[in-house]
Every structure is written in C-alpha cells, then in structure tokens.
Amino acid sequence: MAWKAFNVVGVTYKDHPGETMRRVDKIAKYAKQGSVFGLVRDPSNEYDFNAIEVRQYFKSGASIRLGYVPRELAKKLAPAMDKGWEPKVQFGRKFIDKATCEVKGFQLRYEEN
C-alpha cells in the first residue's frame, strides 16, 4: 500500500468577527513523530457533508482536533470511511516560518485503501 501526504487545514479559524485564532499554536508542541493520529468523519459539519476531522490521541485517552482533511480529499475518503474503512495515519512534518520560528501547519500521511 502507498502512503499519501496531505496538509491539515483549519488550523486557523475565526472565533469572533475580526479575531483569528490559531489552534496550531496550542498543539504545536505535541504533534511529532510517534504521536497517534486518527481521521474521524464529521457528517454533521454545517460547511461540508464529507468533512473529516484530524484528531490527535493521547495516552490518557483524551484527544484534540488538529484541523480537517482538505475538502477535495475528504470528498474522496468519506464514502470509504462511511463503509467502515479506518485509514492509518502518520505524522508527516511541521511547516515552520523561518523568520519567526512559528509552526504554521502540519502535514500527515495516510495509507491508501
């Protein structure tokens, strides 16, 4: 099976008009090689029926939403997930702004069905 990479979207969002929140700031220190990630369908998402959350799981059993699978990829993966396919997900890499050293995003890889 082949591994395919994708960039996690939705790591920034508008919490209040005019205010951009960066979820990535809160989780940058946790997402790394060896972390456990999963993709979870979110068919009740008001913006996209095919939405798939990217979640990170911790040893405690807790999880956090990192963001979402990009819309076009979610459109492809959602039907298979709805039929029971559970994709394996691995950490890819962090995108870091060289000027500020801030984490700007994440890339994950999934094993194709």
N, C-alpha and C. Protein backbone atom coordinates (compact mmCIF):
# COMPACT_ATOMS: atom_id res chain seq x y z
N MET A 1 0.83 -1.19 0.00
CA MET A 1 0.00 0.00 0.00
C MET A 1 0.88 1.25 0.00
N ALA A 2 0.41 2.28 -0.65
CA ALA A 2 1.15 3.53 -0.76
C ALA A 2 0.68 4.53 0.29
N TRP A 3 1.61 5.34 0.76
CA TRP A 3 1.28 6.42 1.70
C TRP A 3 1.13 7.71 0.92
N LYS A 4 0.08 8.47 1.21
CA LYS A 4 -0.18 9.75 0.56
C LYS A 4 -0.18 10.86 1.60
N ALA A 5 0.47 11.97 1.28
CA ALA A 5 0.56 13.09 2.21
C ALA A 5 -0.54 14.10 1.96
N PHE A 6 -0.94 14.80 3.01
CA PHE A 6 -1.87 15.92 2.88
C PHE A 6 -1.58 16.93 3.98
N ASN A 7 -1.87 18.19 3.68
CA ASN A 7 -1.73 19.25 4.67
C ASN A 7 -3.02 19.38 5.46
N VAL A 8 -2.90 19.45 6.77
CA VAL A 8 -4.06 19.62 7.63
C VAL A 8 -4.58 21.05 7.44
N VAL A 9 -5.87 21.20 7.18
CA VAL A 9 -6.47 22.53 7.02
C VAL A 9 -7.30 22.86 8.26
N GLY A 10 -7.64 24.13 8.40
CA GLY A 10 -8.46 24.54 9.54
C GLY A 10 -7.67 24.73 10.81
N VAL A 11 -6.36 24.95 10.68
CA VAL A 11 -5.55 25.17 11.88
C VAL A 11 -5.64 26.62 12.35
N THR A 12 -6.24 27.47 11.53
CA THR A 12 -6.62 28.82 11.96
C THR A 12 -8.11 28.96 11.70
N TYR A 13 -8.77 29.74 12.52
CA TYR A 13 -10.21 29.90 12.40
C TYR A 13 -10.64 31.21 13.03
N LYS A 14 -11.84 31.66 12.70
CA LYS A 14 -12.40 32.88 13.27
C LYS A 14 -13.29 32.51 14.45
N ASP A 15 -12.89 32.92 15.65
CA ASP A 15 -13.69 32.66 16.84
C ASP A 15 -14.72 33.78 17.03
N HIS A 16 -14.27 34.98 16.78
CA HIS A 16 -15.12 36.15 16.86
C HIS A 16 -14.83 37.01 15.62
N PRO A 17 -15.80 37.80 15.15
CA PRO A 17 -15.53 38.66 13.99
C PRO A 17 -14.27 39.50 14.20
N GLY A 18 -13.39 39.43 13.22
CA GLY A 18 -12.17 40.22 13.28
C GLY A 18 -11.05 39.61 14.10
N GLU A 19 -11.29 38.47 14.73
CA GLU A 19 -10.27 37.84 15.58
C GLU A 19 -9.92 36.46 15.03
N THR A 20 -8.68 36.28 14.63
CA THR A 20 -8.24 34.99 14.12
C THR A 20 -7.56 34.22 15.24
N MET A 21 -8.03 33.02 15.47
CA MET A 21 -7.44 32.15 16.49
C MET A 21 -6.55 31.14 15.77
N ARG A 22 -5.50 30.73 16.42
CA ARG A 22 -4.59 29.76 15.82
C ARG A 22 -4.55 28.51 16.70
N ARG A 23 -5.32 27.51 16.34
CA ARG A 23 -5.33 26.24 17.06
C ARG A 23 -3.94 25.62 17.03
N VAL A 24 -3.23 25.85 15.95
CA VAL A 24 -1.90 25.27 15.78
C VAL A 24 -0.96 25.73 16.89
N ASP A 25 -1.13 26.93 17.42
CA ASP A 25 -0.26 27.42 18.49
C ASP A 25 -0.38 26.55 19.74
N LYS A 26 -1.58 26.09 20.02
CA LYS A 26 -1.83 25.31 21.24
C LYS A 26 -1.31 23.89 21.14
N ILE A 27 -1.21 23.35 19.93
CA ILE A 27 -0.86 21.94 19.78
C ILE A 27 0.50 21.70 19.16
N ALA A 28 1.18 22.75 18.75
CA ALA A 28 2.45 22.58 18.05
C ALA A 28 3.45 21.77 18.86
N LYS A 29 3.45 21.94 20.15
CA LYS A 29 4.44 21.23 20.96
C LYS A 29 4.13 19.74 21.10
N TYR A 30 2.90 19.33 20.80
CA TYR A 30 2.53 17.93 20.97
C TYR A 30 2.64 17.10 19.70
N ALA A 31 2.39 17.68 18.54
CA ALA A 31 2.38 16.92 17.28
C ALA A 31 3.81 16.64 16.85
N LYS A 32 4.16 15.37 16.82
CA LYS A 32 5.52 14.99 16.44
C LYS A 32 5.53 13.54 16.01
N GLN A 33 6.66 13.09 15.52
CA GLN A 33 6.84 11.71 15.12
C GLN A 33 6.50 10.82 16.32
N GLY A 34 5.74 9.77 16.09
CA GLY A 34 5.35 8.87 17.16
C GLY A 34 4.02 9.20 17.79
N SER A 35 3.48 10.38 17.51
CA SER A 35 2.16 10.74 18.02
C SER A 35 1.11 9.88 17.34
N VAL A 36 -0.02 9.68 18.01
CA VAL A 36 -1.10 8.88 17.45
C VAL A 36 -2.17 9.81 16.89
N PHE A 37 -2.45 9.64 15.59
CA PHE A 37 -3.43 10.47 14.91
C PHE A 37 -4.54 9.59 14.36
N GLY A 38 -5.69 10.20 14.16
CA GLY A 38 -6.80 9.49 13.55
C GLY A 38 -7.65 10.43 12.73
N LEU A 39 -8.38 9.85 11.80
CA LEU A 39 -9.33 10.61 10.99
C LEU A 39 -10.72 10.19 11.42
N VAL A 40 -11.57 11.18 11.69
CA VAL A 40 -12.92 10.92 12.20
C VAL A 40 -13.92 11.67 11.33
N ARG A 41 -14.87 10.94 10.79
CA ARG A 41 -15.91 11.55 9.96
C ARG A 41 -16.75 12.53 10.77
N ASP A 42 -17.14 13.62 10.13
CA ASP A 42 -17.97 14.65 10.75
C ASP A 42 -19.10 15.02 9.78
N PRO A 43 -20.03 14.07 9.51
CA PRO A 43 -21.08 14.33 8.52
C PRO A 43 -22.07 15.41 8.93
N SER A 44 -22.07 15.79 10.21
CA SER A 44 -22.98 16.86 10.64
C SER A 44 -22.34 18.24 10.51
N ASN A 45 -21.12 18.31 9.95
CA ASN A 45 -20.45 19.59 9.74
C ASN A 45 -21.31 20.47 8.84
N GLU A 46 -21.60 21.66 9.29
CA GLU A 46 -22.50 22.55 8.55
C GLU A 46 -21.90 23.09 7.25
N TYR A 47 -20.59 22.99 7.10
CA TYR A 47 -19.93 23.53 5.91
C TYR A 47 -19.62 22.48 4.85
N ASP A 48 -19.51 21.21 5.28
CA ASP A 48 -19.12 20.16 4.34
C ASP A 48 -19.60 18.80 4.84
N PHE A 49 -20.55 18.20 4.12
CA PHE A 49 -21.09 16.90 4.48
C PHE A 49 -20.01 15.83 4.54
N ASN A 50 -18.95 15.97 3.73
CA ASN A 50 -17.86 14.99 3.67
C ASN A 50 -16.73 15.27 4.66
N ALA A 51 -16.92 16.22 5.56
CA ALA A 51 -15.85 16.65 6.46
C ALA A 51 -15.26 15.49 7.25
N ILE A 52 -13.94 15.54 7.39
CA ILE A 52 -13.20 14.55 8.18
C ILE A 52 -12.26 15.30 9.11
N GLU A 53 -12.44 15.10 10.41
CA GLU A 53 -11.57 15.73 11.40
C GLU A 53 -10.25 14.98 11.48
N VAL A 54 -9.19 15.72 11.74
CA VAL A 54 -7.89 15.14 12.07
C VAL A 54 -7.75 15.29 13.58
N ARG A 55 -7.61 14.16 14.27
CA ARG A 55 -7.51 14.18 15.72
C ARG A 55 -6.18 13.59 16.16
N GLN A 56 -5.68 14.11 17.27
CA GLN A 56 -4.50 13.55 17.90
C GLN A 56 -4.95 12.93 19.21
N TYR A 57 -4.48 11.70 19.48
CA TYR A 57 -4.87 10.96 20.67
C TYR A 57 -3.70 10.89 21.65
N PHE A 58 -4.04 10.95 22.93
CA PHE A 58 -3.04 10.90 23.99
C PHE A 58 -3.18 9.62 24.80
N LYS A 59 -2.14 9.27 25.53
CA LYS A 59 -2.15 8.05 26.34
C LYS A 59 -3.30 8.05 27.34
N SER A 60 -3.73 9.21 27.78
CA SER A 60 -4.82 9.33 28.75
C SER A 60 -6.17 8.93 28.16
N GLY A 61 -6.22 8.83 26.83
CA GLY A 61 -7.48 8.54 26.15
C GLY A 61 -8.14 9.80 25.59
N ALA A 62 -7.65 10.95 26.01
CA ALA A 62 -8.17 12.22 25.51
C ALA A 62 -7.69 12.44 24.08
N SER A 63 -8.40 13.30 23.36
CA SER A 63 -7.98 13.66 22.01
C SER A 63 -8.30 15.12 21.76
N ILE A 64 -7.61 15.69 20.79
CA ILE A 64 -7.89 17.07 20.37
C ILE A 64 -8.01 17.10 18.86
N ARG A 65 -8.83 18.02 18.37
CA ARG A 65 -8.95 18.21 16.93
C ARG A 65 -7.83 19.14 16.49
N LEU A 66 -7.03 18.66 15.54
CA LEU A 66 -5.96 19.48 14.98
C LEU A 66 -6.48 20.34 13.85
N GLY A 67 -7.45 19.82 13.12
CA GLY A 67 -7.98 20.51 11.95
C GLY A 67 -8.79 19.52 11.14
N TYR A 68 -8.72 19.66 9.82
CA TYR A 68 -9.53 18.83 8.93
C TYR A 68 -8.71 18.36 7.73
N VAL A 69 -9.19 17.29 7.12
CA VAL A 69 -8.67 16.83 5.84
C VAL A 69 -9.14 17.83 4.79
N PRO A 70 -8.31 18.21 3.82
CA PRO A 70 -8.76 19.15 2.78
C PRO A 70 -10.03 18.65 2.08
N ARG A 71 -10.88 19.58 1.71
CA ARG A 71 -12.21 19.27 1.15
C ARG A 71 -12.18 18.26 0.00
N GLU A 72 -11.30 18.44 -0.98
CA GLU A 72 -11.27 17.53 -2.13
C GLU A 72 -10.86 16.11 -1.73
N LEU A 73 -9.91 16.00 -0.81
CA LEU A 73 -9.50 14.69 -0.34
C LEU A 73 -10.61 14.06 0.51
N ALA A 74 -11.26 14.86 1.34
CA ALA A 74 -12.36 14.35 2.17
C ALA A 74 -13.49 13.80 1.29
N LYS A 75 -13.74 14.46 0.18
CA LYS A 75 -14.78 14.00 -0.75
C LYS A 75 -14.45 12.60 -1.27
N LYS A 76 -13.17 12.32 -1.43
CA LYS A 76 -12.72 11.02 -1.92
C LYS A 76 -12.74 9.96 -0.79
N LEU A 77 -12.31 10.34 0.41
CA LEU A 77 -12.16 9.39 1.51
C LEU A 77 -13.46 9.11 2.27
N ALA A 78 -14.35 10.08 2.35
CA ALA A 78 -15.56 9.95 3.17
C ALA A 78 -16.40 8.72 2.82
N PRO A 79 -16.68 8.44 1.54
CA PRO A 79 -17.50 7.26 1.24
C PRO A 79 -16.88 5.96 1.75
N ALA A 80 -15.57 5.81 1.61
CA ALA A 80 -14.90 4.59 2.11
C ALA A 80 -14.96 4.52 3.63
N MET A 81 -14.79 5.66 4.29
CA MET A 81 -14.88 5.68 5.75
C MET A 81 -16.29 5.36 6.21
N ASP A 82 -17.28 5.86 5.48
CA ASP A 82 -18.68 5.58 5.83
C ASP A 82 -19.00 4.08 5.72
N LYS A 83 -18.21 3.37 4.91
CA LYS A 83 -18.40 1.92 4.76
C LYS A 83 -17.53 1.13 5.72
N GLY A 84 -16.83 1.82 6.63
CA GLY A 84 -16.08 1.12 7.66
C GLY A 84 -14.57 1.17 7.56
N TRP A 85 -14.03 1.76 6.47
CA TRP A 85 -12.58 1.85 6.34
C TRP A 85 -12.02 2.82 7.36
N GLU A 86 -10.99 2.40 8.08
CA GLU A 86 -10.31 3.25 9.06
C GLU A 86 -8.87 3.45 8.61
N PRO A 87 -8.59 4.60 8.00
CA PRO A 87 -7.24 4.82 7.46
C PRO A 87 -6.19 4.92 8.56
N LYS A 88 -5.02 4.36 8.30
CA LYS A 88 -3.88 4.53 9.19
C LYS A 88 -3.27 5.88 8.87
N VAL A 89 -2.89 6.62 9.91
CA VAL A 89 -2.38 7.98 9.73
C VAL A 89 -1.05 8.11 10.46
N GLN A 90 -0.09 8.77 9.83
CA GLN A 90 1.22 9.03 10.42
C GLN A 90 1.54 10.51 10.36
N PHE A 91 2.37 10.95 11.28
CA PHE A 91 2.88 12.32 11.24
C PHE A 91 3.78 12.48 10.03
N GLY A 92 3.63 13.58 9.33
CA GLY A 92 4.50 13.89 8.19
C GLY A 92 5.56 14.89 8.61
N ARG A 93 5.14 16.14 8.75
CA ARG A 93 6.08 17.17 9.17
C ARG A 93 5.33 18.43 9.59
N LYS A 94 6.05 19.32 10.27
CA LYS A 94 5.52 20.63 10.62
C LYS A 94 6.04 21.63 9.60
N PHE A 95 5.24 22.65 9.32
CA PHE A 95 5.69 23.76 8.48
C PHE A 95 6.05 24.90 9.42
N ILE A 96 7.29 25.33 9.36
CA ILE A 96 7.77 26.36 10.28
C ILE A 96 8.20 27.59 9.50
N ASP A 97 7.72 28.76 9.95
CA ASP A 97 8.11 30.04 9.36
C ASP A 97 9.56 30.31 9.78
N LYS A 98 10.47 30.38 8.83
CA LYS A 98 11.89 30.55 9.14
C LYS A 98 12.17 31.89 9.81
N ALA A 99 11.38 32.90 9.51
CA ALA A 99 11.62 34.22 10.08
C ALA A 99 11.19 34.29 11.54
N THR A 100 10.07 33.66 11.87
CA THR A 100 9.53 33.77 13.23
C THR A 100 9.69 32.49 14.05
N CYS A 101 10.05 31.40 13.39
CA CYS A 101 10.16 30.08 14.02
C CYS A 101 8.81 29.57 14.54
N GLU A 102 7.71 30.13 14.06
CA GLU A 102 6.38 29.68 14.45
C GLU A 102 5.95 28.52 13.57
N VAL A 103 5.24 27.59 14.17
CA VAL A 103 4.66 26.50 13.40
C VAL A 103 3.45 27.06 12.66
N LYS A 104 3.44 26.86 11.34
CA LYS A 104 2.34 27.38 10.51
C LYS A 104 1.36 26.31 10.10
N GLY A 105 1.73 25.04 10.21
CA GLY A 105 0.82 23.99 9.81
C GLY A 105 1.46 22.62 9.95
N PHE A 106 0.70 21.60 9.55
CA PHE A 106 1.14 20.22 9.68
C PHE A 106 0.85 19.46 8.41
N GLN A 107 1.65 18.44 8.18
CA GLN A 107 1.38 17.51 7.09
C GLN A 107 1.31 16.12 7.72
N LEU A 108 0.29 15.37 7.33
CA LEU A 108 0.14 13.99 7.76
C LEU A 108 0.14 13.09 6.54
N ARG A 109 0.30 11.80 6.76
CA ARG A 109 0.23 10.81 5.68
C ARG A 109 -0.79 9.76 6.06
N TYR A 110 -1.51 9.29 5.06
CA TYR A 110 -2.47 8.21 5.28
C TYR A 110 -2.16 7.08 4.32
N GLU A 111 -2.49 5.85 4.74
CA GLU A 111 -2.28 4.70 3.89
C GLU A 111 -3.52 4.52 3.02
N GLU A 112 -3.30 4.51 1.70
CA GLU A 112 -4.42 4.39 0.76
C GLU A 112 -5.15 3.08 0.93
N ASN A 113 -6.45 3.13 0.69
CA ASN A 113 -7.32 1.97 0.78
C ASN A 113 -7.12 1.07 -0.41
